[in-house]
Amino acid sequence: GLIESLTGKAILDLPIVYEPPYVETDFLPLGKDYVAITATSKFKPKDMSPEIAVELINKLKSVNKVPVILGAGEVSRAFARDIEQLGAGDVVNLVDKTDFVQLANVLKRCSVLVSVDTGTMHFGNALNVPTVAVFYATGMEMWAPQPNLYKTVVLSGTPNAEEIFEAVKTLSWDSVMLFRLSVITSVSEVIQKKYCRQTIKELDCHENLRFSRNDLLLSE
């Protein structure tokens, strides 16, 4: 098709990218490290058990992360009730509380998304949110996100809470390092540009120099 002729790549070898319009919400106040969890789907064998979810939630809390429960419909509502009864404690429950754009903005505010094989997993990938993709049932070969296209860790078989937690920590660490690198790079660029402008200004003061600003090929 057109995409393949323009890029030289098959469409399945290209990432899906979505940049949502920004909307202000009161769901997730700034200043906290949120981890989104989507544990239910429309096919029960793909779902995370409430017991594993509660263990994962407690592990996340132990490192000062705030779990955010996502989902829609009766299955998700029942899951939220189940984990509350099992002692999930203080979590942000956004089941049935977001529309499409609000969900996108919620995910963008989370440092990591943990999701079973459902639409939210692919949505997180498209939003460039680091995602732990959890496959408890078949279909991974067709639906698993490709690590070369997305910030993702794919778990399959019978992942337990500890395995999922370790994947979250890996993605969280990578995100922190990428953020720090971006800050360092930005500061470095500012310093370099400032130095170059100062150097050009000093060179302009020397009347004996036989080259101009354009000869330096430096962009301010």
N, C-alpha and C. Protein backbone atom coordinates (compact mmCIF):
# COMPACT_ATOMS: atom_id res chain seq x y z
N GLY A 1 0.81 -1.19 0.00
CA GLY A 1 0.00 0.00 0.00
C GLY A 1 0.86 1.26 0.00
N LEU A 2 0.22 2.39 0.16
CA LEU A 2 0.89 3.69 0.13
C LEU A 2 1.94 3.80 1.24
N ILE A 3 1.57 3.38 2.46
CA ILE A 3 2.50 3.50 3.59
C ILE A 3 3.76 2.70 3.33
N GLU A 4 3.60 1.48 2.82
CA GLU A 4 4.77 0.63 2.58
C GLU A 4 5.65 1.23 1.48
N SER A 5 5.04 1.81 0.44
CA SER A 5 5.84 2.40 -0.63
C SER A 5 6.58 3.65 -0.17
N LEU A 6 5.98 4.39 0.77
CA LEU A 6 6.62 5.61 1.25
C LEU A 6 7.70 5.34 2.30
N THR A 7 7.48 4.32 3.13
CA THR A 7 8.41 4.07 4.24
C THR A 7 9.34 2.90 4.00
N GLY A 8 8.98 2.03 3.08
CA GLY A 8 9.79 0.83 2.87
C GLY A 8 9.57 -0.21 3.94
N LYS A 9 8.52 -0.02 4.76
CA LYS A 9 8.24 -0.96 5.85
C LYS A 9 6.79 -1.42 5.77
N ALA A 10 6.58 -2.66 6.25
CA ALA A 10 5.21 -3.16 6.35
C ALA A 10 4.48 -2.39 7.43
N ILE A 11 3.17 -2.27 7.31
CA ILE A 11 2.41 -1.46 8.26
C ILE A 11 2.53 -2.01 9.68
N LEU A 12 2.70 -3.34 9.82
CA LEU A 12 2.84 -3.93 11.15
C LEU A 12 4.19 -3.61 11.79
N ASP A 13 5.13 -3.11 11.00
CA ASP A 13 6.45 -2.75 11.51
C ASP A 13 6.55 -1.27 11.86
N LEU A 14 5.43 -0.59 11.86
CA LEU A 14 5.39 0.83 12.20
C LEU A 14 4.57 1.02 13.47
N PRO A 15 5.00 1.91 14.37
CA PRO A 15 4.24 2.13 15.61
C PRO A 15 2.97 2.93 15.36
N ILE A 16 1.96 2.66 16.15
CA ILE A 16 0.76 3.49 16.17
C ILE A 16 0.99 4.62 17.16
N VAL A 17 0.74 5.84 16.75
CA VAL A 17 1.01 7.00 17.61
C VAL A 17 -0.25 7.85 17.73
N TYR A 18 -0.58 8.22 18.95
CA TYR A 18 -1.74 9.09 19.19
C TYR A 18 -1.34 10.17 20.20
N GLU A 19 -1.54 11.41 19.83
CA GLU A 19 -1.27 12.53 20.72
C GLU A 19 -2.61 13.19 21.05
N PRO A 20 -3.13 12.98 22.25
CA PRO A 20 -4.49 13.45 22.56
C PRO A 20 -4.53 14.94 22.84
N PRO A 21 -5.67 15.56 22.63
CA PRO A 21 -5.82 16.95 23.08
C PRO A 21 -5.76 16.99 24.60
N TYR A 22 -5.15 18.04 25.13
CA TYR A 22 -5.01 18.14 26.58
C TYR A 22 -6.33 18.58 27.20
N VAL A 23 -6.73 17.87 28.25
CA VAL A 23 -7.88 18.30 29.03
C VAL A 23 -7.49 18.28 30.50
N GLU A 24 -7.91 19.27 31.22
CA GLU A 24 -7.60 19.35 32.65
C GLU A 24 -8.59 18.48 33.41
N THR A 25 -8.05 17.60 34.27
CA THR A 25 -8.90 16.77 35.10
C THR A 25 -8.39 16.83 36.54
N ASP A 26 -9.27 16.46 37.46
CA ASP A 26 -8.88 16.41 38.87
C ASP A 26 -8.61 14.99 39.32
N PHE A 27 -8.53 14.06 38.36
CA PHE A 27 -8.39 12.66 38.72
C PHE A 27 -7.05 12.37 39.41
N LEU A 28 -5.97 12.90 38.84
CA LEU A 28 -4.62 12.58 39.34
C LEU A 28 -3.85 13.87 39.62
N PRO A 29 -3.88 14.35 40.85
CA PRO A 29 -3.13 15.56 41.20
C PRO A 29 -1.64 15.38 40.93
N LEU A 30 -0.99 16.45 40.57
CA LEU A 30 0.44 16.41 40.30
C LEU A 30 1.22 16.11 41.58
N GLY A 31 2.44 15.62 41.39
CA GLY A 31 3.33 15.41 42.53
C GLY A 31 3.38 13.99 43.03
N LYS A 32 2.69 13.07 42.37
CA LYS A 32 2.72 11.67 42.79
C LYS A 32 3.10 10.78 41.60
N ASP A 33 3.61 9.60 41.93
CA ASP A 33 4.03 8.64 40.90
C ASP A 33 2.92 7.62 40.72
N TYR A 34 2.18 7.74 39.63
CA TYR A 34 1.02 6.88 39.40
C TYR A 34 1.37 5.71 38.49
N VAL A 35 0.81 4.55 38.82
CA VAL A 35 0.90 3.37 37.95
C VAL A 35 -0.51 2.91 37.65
N ALA A 36 -0.89 2.93 36.37
CA ALA A 36 -2.22 2.52 35.96
C ALA A 36 -2.30 1.00 35.84
N ILE A 37 -3.44 0.44 36.23
CA ILE A 37 -3.65 -1.00 36.15
C ILE A 37 -4.98 -1.28 35.46
N THR A 38 -4.93 -1.99 34.34
CA THR A 38 -6.14 -2.50 33.70
C THR A 38 -6.08 -4.01 33.79
N ALA A 39 -6.91 -4.59 34.62
CA ALA A 39 -6.81 -6.02 34.95
C ALA A 39 -7.92 -6.86 34.34
N THR A 40 -8.89 -6.22 33.68
CA THR A 40 -10.03 -6.97 33.15
C THR A 40 -10.21 -6.71 31.66
N SER A 41 -10.86 -7.67 31.03
CA SER A 41 -11.14 -7.58 29.59
C SER A 41 -12.54 -8.14 29.35
N LYS A 42 -12.84 -8.43 28.11
CA LYS A 42 -14.14 -9.04 27.78
C LYS A 42 -14.05 -10.56 27.71
N PHE A 43 -12.88 -11.10 28.06
CA PHE A 43 -12.65 -12.55 28.00
C PHE A 43 -11.93 -12.96 29.28
N LYS A 44 -12.66 -13.58 30.19
CA LYS A 44 -12.17 -13.82 31.55
C LYS A 44 -10.80 -14.51 31.63
N PRO A 45 -10.51 -15.50 30.75
CA PRO A 45 -9.18 -16.13 30.84
C PRO A 45 -8.01 -15.16 30.66
N LYS A 46 -8.27 -13.99 30.07
CA LYS A 46 -7.20 -13.00 29.89
C LYS A 46 -7.01 -12.12 31.12
N ASP A 47 -7.92 -12.20 32.09
CA ASP A 47 -7.93 -11.25 33.20
C ASP A 47 -6.94 -11.62 34.30
N MET A 48 -6.50 -10.59 35.01
CA MET A 48 -5.65 -10.77 36.19
C MET A 48 -6.55 -11.11 37.38
N SER A 49 -6.11 -12.03 38.20
CA SER A 49 -6.93 -12.38 39.36
C SER A 49 -6.88 -11.25 40.39
N PRO A 50 -7.95 -11.07 41.15
CA PRO A 50 -7.94 -10.05 42.21
C PRO A 50 -6.81 -10.27 43.21
N GLU A 51 -6.48 -11.53 43.49
CA GLU A 51 -5.41 -11.81 44.45
C GLU A 51 -4.06 -11.31 43.96
N ILE A 52 -3.75 -11.57 42.69
CA ILE A 52 -2.49 -11.08 42.13
C ILE A 52 -2.50 -9.55 42.10
N ALA A 53 -3.63 -8.97 41.74
CA ALA A 53 -3.73 -7.52 41.66
C ALA A 53 -3.47 -6.87 43.02
N VAL A 54 -4.05 -7.43 44.08
CA VAL A 54 -3.87 -6.85 45.42
C VAL A 54 -2.40 -6.98 45.85
N GLU A 55 -1.79 -8.11 45.56
CA GLU A 55 -0.36 -8.26 45.90
C GLU A 55 0.48 -7.25 45.14
N LEU A 56 0.16 -7.06 43.86
CA LEU A 56 0.89 -6.07 43.06
C LEU A 56 0.68 -4.67 43.61
N ILE A 57 -0.56 -4.35 43.95
CA ILE A 57 -0.89 -3.02 44.49
C ILE A 57 -0.07 -2.75 45.75
N ASN A 58 0.01 -3.72 46.65
CA ASN A 58 0.76 -3.53 47.89
C ASN A 58 2.25 -3.36 47.62
N LYS A 59 2.77 -4.07 46.63
CA LYS A 59 4.18 -3.90 46.27
C LYS A 59 4.43 -2.50 45.70
N LEU A 60 3.51 -2.02 44.89
CA LEU A 60 3.65 -0.68 44.33
C LEU A 60 3.62 0.38 45.43
N LYS A 61 2.72 0.21 46.37
CA LYS A 61 2.64 1.16 47.49
C LYS A 61 3.91 1.16 48.32
N SER A 62 4.57 0.01 48.42
CA SER A 62 5.77 -0.09 49.25
C SER A 62 6.92 0.76 48.70
N VAL A 63 6.84 1.13 47.42
CA VAL A 63 7.86 1.99 46.82
C VAL A 63 7.26 3.34 46.43
N ASN A 64 6.20 3.72 47.14
CA ASN A 64 5.58 5.05 47.01
C ASN A 64 4.96 5.33 45.64
N LYS A 65 4.48 4.28 45.00
CA LYS A 65 3.72 4.46 43.77
C LYS A 65 2.23 4.38 44.08
N VAL A 66 1.44 5.14 43.36
CA VAL A 66 0.00 5.20 43.60
C VAL A 66 -0.72 4.40 42.52
N PRO A 67 -1.37 3.28 42.86
CA PRO A 67 -2.08 2.48 41.86
C PRO A 67 -3.36 3.18 41.40
N VAL A 68 -3.61 3.12 40.09
CA VAL A 68 -4.81 3.70 39.50
C VAL A 68 -5.54 2.57 38.77
N ILE A 69 -6.74 2.25 39.20
CA ILE A 69 -7.49 1.15 38.62
C ILE A 69 -8.37 1.68 37.49
N LEU A 70 -8.21 1.09 36.30
CA LEU A 70 -8.96 1.52 35.12
C LEU A 70 -9.88 0.40 34.64
N GLY A 71 -10.90 0.78 33.91
CA GLY A 71 -11.81 -0.20 33.34
C GLY A 71 -13.19 0.39 33.15
N ALA A 72 -14.05 -0.40 32.54
CA ALA A 72 -15.42 0.06 32.32
C ALA A 72 -16.34 -1.16 32.29
N GLY A 73 -17.55 -0.98 32.78
CA GLY A 73 -18.52 -2.05 32.73
C GLY A 73 -18.59 -2.85 34.02
N GLU A 74 -19.54 -3.78 34.07
CA GLU A 74 -19.81 -4.54 35.28
C GLU A 74 -18.64 -5.41 35.71
N VAL A 75 -17.93 -6.00 34.76
CA VAL A 75 -16.78 -6.85 35.11
C VAL A 75 -15.73 -6.03 35.86
N SER A 76 -15.45 -4.85 35.37
CA SER A 76 -14.46 -3.98 36.02
C SER A 76 -14.95 -3.49 37.37
N ARG A 77 -16.25 -3.18 37.45
CA ARG A 77 -16.80 -2.74 38.73
C ARG A 77 -16.72 -3.85 39.78
N ALA A 78 -17.02 -5.08 39.35
CA ALA A 78 -16.95 -6.22 40.26
C ALA A 78 -15.50 -6.46 40.70
N PHE A 79 -14.57 -6.28 39.77
CA PHE A 79 -13.15 -6.44 40.11
C PHE A 79 -12.73 -5.42 41.16
N ALA A 80 -13.16 -4.17 40.97
CA ALA A 80 -12.82 -3.11 41.93
C ALA A 80 -13.36 -3.44 43.32
N ARG A 81 -14.57 -3.99 43.35
CA ARG A 81 -15.13 -4.39 44.64
C ARG A 81 -14.34 -5.54 45.25
N ASP A 82 -13.94 -6.49 44.43
CA ASP A 82 -13.20 -7.65 44.92
C ASP A 82 -11.86 -7.25 45.53
N ILE A 83 -11.12 -6.39 44.86
CA ILE A 83 -9.81 -6.03 45.40
C ILE A 83 -9.95 -5.18 46.67
N GLU A 84 -11.04 -4.42 46.74
CA GLU A 84 -11.28 -3.65 47.97
C GLU A 84 -11.53 -4.60 49.14
N GLN A 85 -12.31 -5.65 48.90
CA GLN A 85 -12.59 -6.62 49.95
C GLN A 85 -11.36 -7.43 50.35
N LEU A 86 -10.44 -7.58 49.40
CA LEU A 86 -9.21 -8.32 49.68
C LEU A 86 -8.13 -7.46 50.32
N GLY A 87 -8.42 -6.18 50.53
CA GLY A 87 -7.47 -5.33 51.24
C GLY A 87 -6.58 -4.48 50.37
N ALA A 88 -7.08 -4.09 49.18
CA ALA A 88 -6.27 -3.23 48.31
C ALA A 88 -6.02 -1.87 48.95
N GLY A 89 -6.96 -1.44 49.80
CA GLY A 89 -6.76 -0.19 50.51
C GLY A 89 -6.88 1.02 49.62
N ASP A 90 -6.01 1.99 49.84
CA ASP A 90 -6.10 3.29 49.17
C ASP A 90 -5.58 3.21 47.75
N VAL A 91 -6.48 3.18 46.78
CA VAL A 91 -6.12 3.25 45.36
C VAL A 91 -6.99 4.32 44.72
N VAL A 92 -6.60 4.74 43.52
CA VAL A 92 -7.44 5.66 42.75
C VAL A 92 -8.31 4.81 41.83
N ASN A 93 -9.58 4.78 42.10
CA ASN A 93 -10.51 3.96 41.32
C ASN A 93 -11.19 4.83 40.26
N LEU A 94 -10.78 4.62 38.99
CA LEU A 94 -11.35 5.39 37.89
C LEU A 94 -12.23 4.53 36.99
N VAL A 95 -12.69 3.40 37.50
CA VAL A 95 -13.58 2.55 36.72
C VAL A 95 -14.86 3.32 36.38
N ASP A 96 -15.20 3.36 35.10
CA ASP A 96 -16.41 4.04 34.61
C ASP A 96 -16.40 5.55 34.83
N LYS A 97 -15.22 6.14 35.00
CA LYS A 97 -15.17 7.57 35.31
C LYS A 97 -14.51 8.43 34.23
N THR A 98 -14.02 7.81 33.16
CA THR A 98 -13.32 8.60 32.14
C THR A 98 -13.91 8.35 30.76
N ASP A 99 -13.90 9.40 29.95
CA ASP A 99 -14.20 9.19 28.53
C ASP A 99 -12.87 8.93 27.81
N PHE A 100 -12.91 8.84 26.50
CA PHE A 100 -11.73 8.47 25.72
C PHE A 100 -10.57 9.45 25.91
N VAL A 101 -10.85 10.73 25.78
CA VAL A 101 -9.80 11.75 25.88
C VAL A 101 -9.30 11.87 27.32
N GLN A 102 -10.21 11.78 28.28
CA GLN A 102 -9.80 11.82 29.69
C GLN A 102 -8.89 10.64 30.02
N LEU A 103 -9.24 9.47 29.51
CA LEU A 103 -8.41 8.28 29.74
C LEU A 103 -7.01 8.49 29.17
N ALA A 104 -6.94 9.07 27.99
CA ALA A 104 -5.64 9.34 27.38
C ALA A 104 -4.80 10.25 28.27
N ASN A 105 -5.40 11.29 28.80
CA ASN A 105 -4.67 12.22 29.66
C ASN A 105 -4.29 11.59 30.99
N VAL A 106 -5.14 10.70 31.50
CA VAL A 106 -4.79 9.96 32.72
C VAL A 106 -3.58 9.07 32.47
N LEU A 107 -3.59 8.35 31.36
CA LEU A 107 -2.47 7.46 31.05
C LEU A 107 -1.18 8.24 30.85
N LYS A 108 -1.27 9.41 30.23
CA LYS A 108 -0.07 10.23 30.00
C LYS A 108 0.54 10.70 31.32
N ARG A 109 -0.28 10.80 32.36
CA ARG A 109 0.22 11.25 33.66
C ARG A 109 0.82 10.09 34.48
N CYS A 110 0.62 8.86 34.03
CA CYS A 110 1.15 7.70 34.75
C CYS A 110 2.55 7.36 34.26
N SER A 111 3.39 6.93 35.18
CA SER A 111 4.76 6.56 34.79
C SER A 111 4.79 5.22 34.08
N VAL A 112 3.85 4.33 34.42
CA VAL A 112 3.78 3.01 33.81
C VAL A 112 2.32 2.57 33.76
N LEU A 113 1.99 1.81 32.73
CA LEU A 113 0.69 1.14 32.63
C LEU A 113 0.91 -0.36 32.71
N VAL A 114 0.15 -1.02 33.57
CA VAL A 114 0.10 -2.48 33.61
C VAL A 114 -1.25 -2.88 33.03
N SER A 115 -1.25 -3.68 31.96
CA SER A 115 -2.52 -4.02 31.33
C SER A 115 -2.53 -5.45 30.81
N VAL A 116 -3.66 -6.11 31.02
CA VAL A 116 -3.87 -7.39 30.35
C VAL A 116 -4.18 -7.10 28.88
N ASP A 117 -4.38 -8.17 28.12
CA ASP A 117 -4.58 -8.03 26.69
C ASP A 117 -5.96 -7.44 26.39
N THR A 118 -6.00 -6.12 26.31
CA THR A 118 -7.24 -5.41 26.03
C THR A 118 -6.92 -4.09 25.34
N GLY A 119 -7.94 -3.35 24.97
CA GLY A 119 -7.71 -2.13 24.21
C GLY A 119 -6.84 -1.11 24.91
N THR A 120 -6.94 -1.04 26.23
CA THR A 120 -6.14 -0.06 26.98
C THR A 120 -4.66 -0.31 26.82
N MET A 121 -4.26 -1.57 26.69
CA MET A 121 -2.86 -1.88 26.47
C MET A 121 -2.35 -1.22 25.19
N HIS A 122 -3.11 -1.38 24.11
CA HIS A 122 -2.71 -0.79 22.83
C HIS A 122 -2.80 0.73 22.87
N PHE A 123 -3.77 1.24 23.61
CA PHE A 123 -3.92 2.68 23.77
C PHE A 123 -2.69 3.26 24.47
N GLY A 124 -2.24 2.59 25.53
CA GLY A 124 -1.04 3.04 26.23
C GLY A 124 0.18 3.05 25.33
N ASN A 125 0.32 2.01 24.50
CA ASN A 125 1.43 1.97 23.55
C ASN A 125 1.39 3.15 22.60
N ALA A 126 0.18 3.43 22.06
CA ALA A 126 0.04 4.53 21.10
C ALA A 126 0.34 5.88 21.74
N LEU A 127 0.14 5.97 23.06
CA LEU A 127 0.41 7.21 23.79
C LEU A 127 1.85 7.30 24.26
N ASN A 128 2.65 6.28 23.93
CA ASN A 128 4.06 6.23 24.33
C ASN A 128 4.23 6.13 25.84
N VAL A 129 3.27 5.49 26.50
CA VAL A 129 3.35 5.25 27.94
C VAL A 129 4.06 3.92 28.16
N PRO A 130 5.11 3.86 28.98
CA PRO A 130 5.75 2.57 29.27
C PRO A 130 4.72 1.56 29.76
N THR A 131 4.66 0.40 29.11
CA THR A 131 3.56 -0.52 29.35
C THR A 131 4.05 -1.94 29.64
N VAL A 132 3.55 -2.51 30.74
CA VAL A 132 3.75 -3.93 31.01
C VAL A 132 2.54 -4.65 30.44
N ALA A 133 2.75 -5.39 29.36
CA ALA A 133 1.67 -6.11 28.69
C ALA A 133 1.61 -7.53 29.24
N VAL A 134 0.50 -7.87 29.89
CA VAL A 134 0.37 -9.15 30.59
C VAL A 134 -0.58 -10.05 29.80
N PHE A 135 -0.06 -11.19 29.34
CA PHE A 135 -0.85 -12.14 28.56
C PHE A 135 -1.03 -13.42 29.36
N TYR A 136 -2.25 -13.61 29.88
CA TYR A 136 -2.57 -14.84 30.60
C TYR A 136 -3.17 -15.89 29.68
N ALA A 137 -3.61 -15.50 28.51
CA ALA A 137 -4.23 -16.44 27.57
C ALA A 137 -3.51 -16.36 26.23
N THR A 138 -3.95 -17.17 25.28
CA THR A 138 -3.32 -17.18 23.97
C THR A 138 -3.59 -15.87 23.24
N GLY A 139 -2.87 -15.68 22.15
CA GLY A 139 -3.05 -14.48 21.34
C GLY A 139 -1.85 -13.57 21.37
N MET A 140 -0.84 -13.93 22.18
CA MET A 140 0.32 -13.07 22.29
C MET A 140 1.03 -12.90 20.95
N GLU A 141 1.08 -13.99 20.17
CA GLU A 141 1.80 -13.93 18.90
C GLU A 141 1.21 -12.87 17.98
N MET A 142 -0.09 -12.68 18.05
CA MET A 142 -0.76 -11.72 17.16
C MET A 142 -0.86 -10.32 17.78
N TRP A 143 -1.10 -10.24 19.10
CA TRP A 143 -1.48 -8.97 19.70
C TRP A 143 -0.42 -8.33 20.60
N ALA A 144 0.64 -9.05 20.91
CA ALA A 144 1.65 -8.47 21.80
C ALA A 144 2.35 -7.29 21.14
N PRO A 145 2.55 -6.19 21.87
CA PRO A 145 3.29 -5.04 21.32
C PRO A 145 4.75 -5.40 21.10
N GLN A 146 5.33 -4.83 20.07
CA GLN A 146 6.72 -5.13 19.74
C GLN A 146 7.66 -4.21 20.51
N PRO A 147 8.59 -4.77 21.28
CA PRO A 147 9.51 -3.94 22.08
C PRO A 147 10.37 -3.00 21.24
N ASN A 148 10.55 -3.32 19.95
CA ASN A 148 11.35 -2.41 19.11
C ASN A 148 10.53 -1.21 18.65
N LEU A 149 9.21 -1.25 18.87
CA LEU A 149 8.35 -0.13 18.47
C LEU A 149 7.82 0.66 19.65
N TYR A 150 7.71 0.01 20.81
CA TYR A 150 7.10 0.66 21.97
C TYR A 150 7.95 0.44 23.22
N LYS A 151 7.70 1.29 24.23
CA LYS A 151 8.34 1.11 25.54
C LYS A 151 7.53 0.06 26.29
N THR A 152 7.90 -1.20 26.16
CA THR A 152 7.05 -2.25 26.69
C THR A 152 7.85 -3.44 27.19
N VAL A 153 7.28 -4.11 28.18
CA VAL A 153 7.75 -5.42 28.62
C VAL A 153 6.56 -6.36 28.48
N VAL A 154 6.75 -7.45 27.77
CA VAL A 154 5.67 -8.42 27.54
C VAL A 154 5.87 -9.62 28.44
N LEU A 155 4.86 -9.95 29.23
CA LEU A 155 4.88 -11.12 30.10
C LEU A 155 3.78 -12.08 29.65
N SER A 156 4.10 -13.37 29.61
CA SER A 156 3.11 -14.35 29.17
C SER A 156 3.16 -15.58 30.06
N GLY A 157 2.14 -16.44 29.89
CA GLY A 157 2.06 -17.64 30.70
C GLY A 157 1.22 -17.39 31.93
N THR A 158 1.88 -17.44 33.08
CA THR A 158 1.18 -17.18 34.36
C THR A 158 1.98 -16.18 35.20
N PRO A 159 2.14 -14.95 34.71
CA PRO A 159 2.92 -13.96 35.47
C PRO A 159 2.31 -13.71 36.84
N ASN A 160 3.16 -13.75 37.87
CA ASN A 160 2.68 -13.45 39.21
C ASN A 160 2.96 -11.99 39.56
N ALA A 161 2.57 -11.59 40.75
CA ALA A 161 2.71 -10.19 41.15
C ALA A 161 4.16 -9.74 41.17
N GLU A 162 5.05 -10.61 41.61
CA GLU A 162 6.47 -10.24 41.69
C GLU A 162 7.06 -9.99 40.30
N GLU A 163 6.70 -10.84 39.33
CA GLU A 163 7.20 -10.66 37.97
C GLU A 163 6.69 -9.35 37.36
N ILE A 164 5.43 -9.07 37.59
CA ILE A 164 4.86 -7.83 37.06
C ILE A 164 5.51 -6.63 37.74
N PHE A 165 5.70 -6.71 39.04
CA PHE A 165 6.32 -5.63 39.80
C PHE A 165 7.74 -5.35 39.31
N GLU A 166 8.50 -6.41 39.04
CA GLU A 166 9.87 -6.23 38.54
C GLU A 166 9.86 -5.56 37.17
N ALA A 167 8.87 -5.90 36.34
CA ALA A 167 8.75 -5.26 35.02
C ALA A 167 8.42 -3.78 35.17
N VAL A 168 7.54 -3.46 36.13
CA VAL A 168 7.21 -2.06 36.41
C VAL A 168 8.46 -1.30 36.83
N LYS A 169 9.25 -1.89 37.71
CA LYS A 169 10.47 -1.22 38.17
C LYS A 169 11.44 -0.99 37.02
N THR A 170 11.54 -1.98 36.13
CA THR A 170 12.43 -1.82 34.97
C THR A 170 12.00 -0.66 34.10
N LEU A 171 10.72 -0.59 33.80
CA LEU A 171 10.22 0.51 32.96
C LEU A 171 10.29 1.84 33.68
N SER A 172 10.04 1.85 34.99
CA SER A 172 10.13 3.09 35.77
C SER A 172 11.55 3.62 35.75
N TRP A 173 12.52 2.73 35.94
CA TRP A 173 13.92 3.14 35.94
C TRP A 173 14.33 3.68 34.57
N ASP A 174 13.90 2.99 33.51
CA ASP A 174 14.22 3.45 32.17
C ASP A 174 13.62 4.83 31.92
N SER A 175 12.39 5.06 32.40
CA SER A 175 11.74 6.35 32.21
C SER A 175 12.49 7.46 32.94
N VAL A 176 12.92 7.16 34.17
CA VAL A 176 13.67 8.15 34.95
C VAL A 176 14.97 8.49 34.25
N MET A 177 15.67 7.47 33.77
CA MET A 177 16.95 7.71 33.11
C MET A 177 16.76 8.50 31.82
N LEU A 178 15.71 8.19 31.05
CA LEU A 178 15.44 8.94 29.83
C LEU A 178 15.10 10.39 30.14
N PHE A 179 14.33 10.61 31.21
CA PHE A 179 13.98 11.97 31.60
C PHE A 179 15.23 12.75 32.01
N ARG A 180 16.08 12.11 32.83
CA ARG A 180 17.31 12.78 33.26
C ARG A 180 18.21 13.08 32.07
N LEU A 181 18.28 12.13 31.13
CA LEU A 181 19.10 12.35 29.95
C LEU A 181 18.57 13.51 29.12
N SER A 182 17.23 13.60 29.01
CA SER A 182 16.65 14.70 28.24
C SER A 182 16.94 16.04 28.90
N VAL A 183 16.89 16.08 30.24
CA VAL A 183 17.19 17.31 30.97
C VAL A 183 18.65 17.69 30.77
N ILE A 184 19.55 16.71 30.91
CA ILE A 184 20.98 16.98 30.73
C ILE A 184 21.25 17.47 29.32
N THR A 185 20.61 16.82 28.33
CA THR A 185 20.81 17.23 26.94
C THR A 185 20.31 18.65 26.71
N SER A 186 19.16 18.98 27.27
CA SER A 186 18.60 20.32 27.10
C SER A 186 19.50 21.38 27.72
N VAL A 187 19.98 21.10 28.94
CA VAL A 187 20.88 22.05 29.62
C VAL A 187 22.16 22.20 28.83
N SER A 188 22.68 21.07 28.32
CA SER A 188 23.91 21.12 27.53
C SER A 188 23.75 21.96 26.28
N GLU A 189 22.59 21.81 25.61
CA GLU A 189 22.34 22.59 24.40
C GLU A 189 22.26 24.08 24.71
N VAL A 190 21.62 24.42 25.83
CA VAL A 190 21.52 25.83 26.22
C VAL A 190 22.91 26.40 26.48
N ILE A 191 23.72 25.65 27.21
CA ILE A 191 25.08 26.11 27.53
C ILE A 191 25.89 26.28 26.25
N GLN A 192 25.79 25.29 25.34
CA GLN A 192 26.56 25.37 24.10
C GLN A 192 26.14 26.58 23.27
N LYS A 193 24.82 26.80 23.17
CA LYS A 193 24.35 27.94 22.37
C LYS A 193 24.80 29.27 22.98
N LYS A 194 24.72 29.34 24.31
CA LYS A 194 25.14 30.57 24.99
C LYS A 194 26.63 30.80 24.78
N TYR A 195 27.43 29.71 24.87
CA TYR A 195 28.87 29.82 24.68
C TYR A 195 29.19 30.26 23.26
N CYS A 196 28.47 29.65 22.30
CA CYS A 196 28.73 30.00 20.91
C CYS A 196 28.40 31.46 20.62
N ARG A 197 27.27 31.93 21.16
CA ARG A 197 26.91 33.34 20.95
C ARG A 197 27.95 34.27 21.55
N GLN A 198 28.44 33.92 22.76
CA GLN A 198 29.44 34.75 23.41
C GLN A 198 30.73 34.75 22.62
N THR A 199 31.10 33.56 22.08
CA THR A 199 32.34 33.45 21.30
C THR A 199 32.25 34.28 20.04
N ILE A 200 31.12 34.23 19.35
CA ILE A 200 30.94 35.02 18.14
C ILE A 200 31.02 36.51 18.46
N LYS A 201 30.40 36.90 19.57
CA LYS A 201 30.42 38.30 19.96
C LYS A 201 31.86 38.77 20.19
N GLU A 202 32.66 37.92 20.85
CA GLU A 202 34.05 38.27 21.12
C GLU A 202 34.85 38.34 19.83
N LEU A 203 34.58 37.40 18.89
CA LEU A 203 35.31 37.39 17.63
C LEU A 203 35.01 38.64 16.81
N ASP A 204 33.77 39.12 16.90
CA ASP A 204 33.40 40.31 16.15
C ASP A 204 34.18 41.54 16.61
N CYS A 205 34.74 41.49 17.79
CA CYS A 205 35.47 42.63 18.32
C CYS A 205 36.87 42.75 17.74
N HIS A 206 37.33 41.66 17.08
CA HIS A 206 38.68 41.67 16.53
C HIS A 206 38.63 42.12 15.08
N GLU A 207 39.12 43.32 14.81
CA GLU A 207 39.03 43.88 13.46
C GLU A 207 39.90 43.14 12.47
N ASN A 208 40.96 42.46 12.92
CA ASN A 208 41.89 41.81 11.99
C ASN A 208 41.38 40.47 11.47
N LEU A 209 40.27 39.94 12.06
CA LEU A 209 39.77 38.66 11.60
C LEU A 209 39.13 38.83 10.23
N ARG A 210 39.38 37.87 9.31
CA ARG A 210 38.94 38.00 7.92
C ARG A 210 37.74 37.09 7.59
N PHE A 211 37.04 36.64 8.62
CA PHE A 211 35.84 35.85 8.34
C PHE A 211 34.67 36.44 9.11
N SER A 212 33.50 36.10 8.66
CA SER A 212 32.29 36.66 9.22
C SER A 212 31.53 35.63 10.04
N ARG A 213 30.40 36.05 10.59
CA ARG A 213 29.54 35.13 11.34
C ARG A 213 29.14 33.94 10.46
N ASN A 214 28.79 34.19 9.24
CA ASN A 214 28.31 33.12 8.38
C ASN A 214 29.37 32.04 8.16
N ASP A 215 30.62 32.42 8.21
CA ASP A 215 31.70 31.44 8.01
C ASP A 215 31.74 30.42 9.13
N LEU A 216 31.24 30.78 10.31
CA LEU A 216 31.29 29.86 11.45
C LEU A 216 30.25 28.76 11.36
N LEU A 217 29.21 28.99 10.55
CA LEU A 217 28.15 28.00 10.37
C LEU A 217 27.51 27.60 11.70
N LEU A 218 27.34 28.56 12.57
CA LEU A 218 26.72 28.29 13.86
C LEU A 218 25.33 28.89 13.89
N SER A 219 24.39 28.16 14.41
CA SER A 219 23.02 28.64 14.49
C SER A 219 22.72 29.13 15.89
N GLU A 220 22.21 30.35 15.94
CA GLU A 220 21.78 30.88 17.23
C GLU A 220 20.39 30.42 17.57
